[in-house]
């Protein structure tokens, strides 16, 4: 008998375009529910946090559903969370957009600010440089992924703490290097959009599901 498909909640906090993320994770093999229900979020095998638009707007919408508490509770229990695009950016300490500084969720140290690049936004397909031991990019090292952003974490400063493994950080370059993905214990995230990255994106989401 095959194992049941993992259950994933896509956090519904009013961010745009969450339906495409939900459909992609379903195609990758999960049972998916789009909700902000606290019990369902706590009990799902995985939580996906999408994000589209400005850092401050996403943080405001997350605060309205007590998103920080929901994510913290899952991580405290070692339960998997995946952030996508601005859903990754808000995991850092703060964001700076157009001179506006906004406090993030603070799961990782660092600032998300504007990329130094000749053309912004960074829109389209790009390669990534994943560490050898990456589980997220297993079998996907030569693939390209779809990015749409002007802001990013341009440095990484979190050292391993206690029993936690060394975070696996994947980089990409547009004008300058920036953090494209992170695998940090139960908390993983991508700056690009797996749901817009064709078959490679579906396989990447499948790699995440395989860890649940």
Foldseek 3Di string as FASTA:
>chain_A
DDDAAFEEEEEALPAPPSVLVQVLLVVLGHHYDYYLDLVCLQPGQEYEYEHDDDLQVSQVSCVVSVVLVSVVNCVVVLGAYEYEASRVQLCEQWEAEPNDIDGGSHVFYAYKYFDDAPDPDPFAWFAKAWDPPDLLCVVPRPAIFTAHGGIAGQDHDDADDDPWDGKTFMWTDHRHIGTQWIDTRRYIYGNTDLSPRPPSSSVSSNSNSVVD
